[in-house]
Protein backbone atom coordinates (compact mmCIF):
# COMPACT_ATOMS: atom_id res chain seq x y z
CA MET A 1 3.68 -3.52 10.16
CA SER A 2 4.64 -4.31 6.70
CA ILE A 3 5.37 -7.52 4.83
CA ARG A 4 7.37 -7.68 1.64
CA SER A 5 8.91 -10.12 -0.46
CA THR A 6 12.65 -10.90 0.03
CA ARG A 7 12.99 -10.14 -3.81
CA SER A 8 11.49 -6.68 -3.46
CA PRO A 9 14.00 -3.91 -4.12
CA ALA A 10 12.40 -1.76 -1.41
CA ARG A 11 14.48 -1.58 1.77
CA ARG A 12 13.34 1.77 3.17
CA LEU A 13 9.82 3.27 3.53
CA ALA A 14 10.59 5.80 0.89
CA MET A 15 11.49 3.14 -1.75
CA LEU A 16 8.49 1.35 -0.77
CA GLY A 17 6.32 4.59 -1.33
CA ALA A 18 8.01 4.84 -4.83
CA SER A 19 7.11 1.31 -5.72
CA LEU A 20 3.50 1.69 -4.51
CA ALA A 21 3.18 4.94 -6.47
CA ALA A 22 4.32 3.19 -9.72
CA LEU A 23 1.97 0.35 -9.23
CA ALA A 24 -0.96 2.76 -8.41
CA LEU A 25 -0.29 4.77 -11.56
CA SER A 26 -0.66 1.74 -13.38
CA GLY A 27 -4.04 1.04 -11.78
CA THR A 28 -3.00 -2.28 -10.62
CA LEU A 29 -2.49 -2.18 -6.94
CA ASN A 30 -5.09 -3.75 -4.59
CA PHE A 31 -4.71 -4.36 -0.85
CA GLY A 32 -6.45 -6.54 1.58
CA SER A 33 -7.14 -6.27 5.40
CA THR A 34 -8.55 -8.26 8.07
CA SER A 35 -11.74 -6.10 8.46
CA GLN A 36 -13.24 -3.13 6.73
CA GLY A 37 -12.72 -0.20 9.02
CA GLY A 38 -10.33 -1.83 11.29
CA SER A 39 -6.71 -0.49 11.99
CA PRO A 40 -5.01 -2.21 9.08
CA HIS A 41 -7.41 -0.83 6.59
CA MET A 42 -7.53 2.57 8.12
CA SER A 43 -3.67 2.67 8.07
CA ALA A 44 -3.61 1.70 4.44
CA GLU A 45 -6.13 4.39 3.68
CA LEU A 46 -4.08 6.99 5.50
CA LEU A 47 -0.92 5.91 3.53
CA LYS A 48 -3.21 6.21 0.35
CA THR A 49 -4.05 9.65 1.28
CA LEU A 50 -0.60 10.87 2.46
CA ALA A 51 1.17 9.29 -0.63
CA GLN A 52 -1.54 10.44 -3.10
CA ILE A 53 -1.64 7.03 -4.62
CA ASP A 54 -4.75 5.20 -6.07
CA ILE A 55 -5.04 2.00 -4.44
CA VAL A 56 -8.24 -0.41 -3.99
CA HIS A 57 -9.31 -1.92 -0.59
CA VAL A 58 -10.31 -5.71 -1.17
CA PRO A 59 -12.12 -6.87 2.00
């Protein structure tokens, strides 16, 4: 599941990936999840690895 702002230009996953990569390069992207080590956290960590972006988990 993903939640995005209606103002976001990302309409497809590839566009979202490009947006995430741009934010990650600037070192300004954090993400939160319901629990450390839970499914949402691990899914974001997988995205981080596959997309090769630098994002920080904020529990």
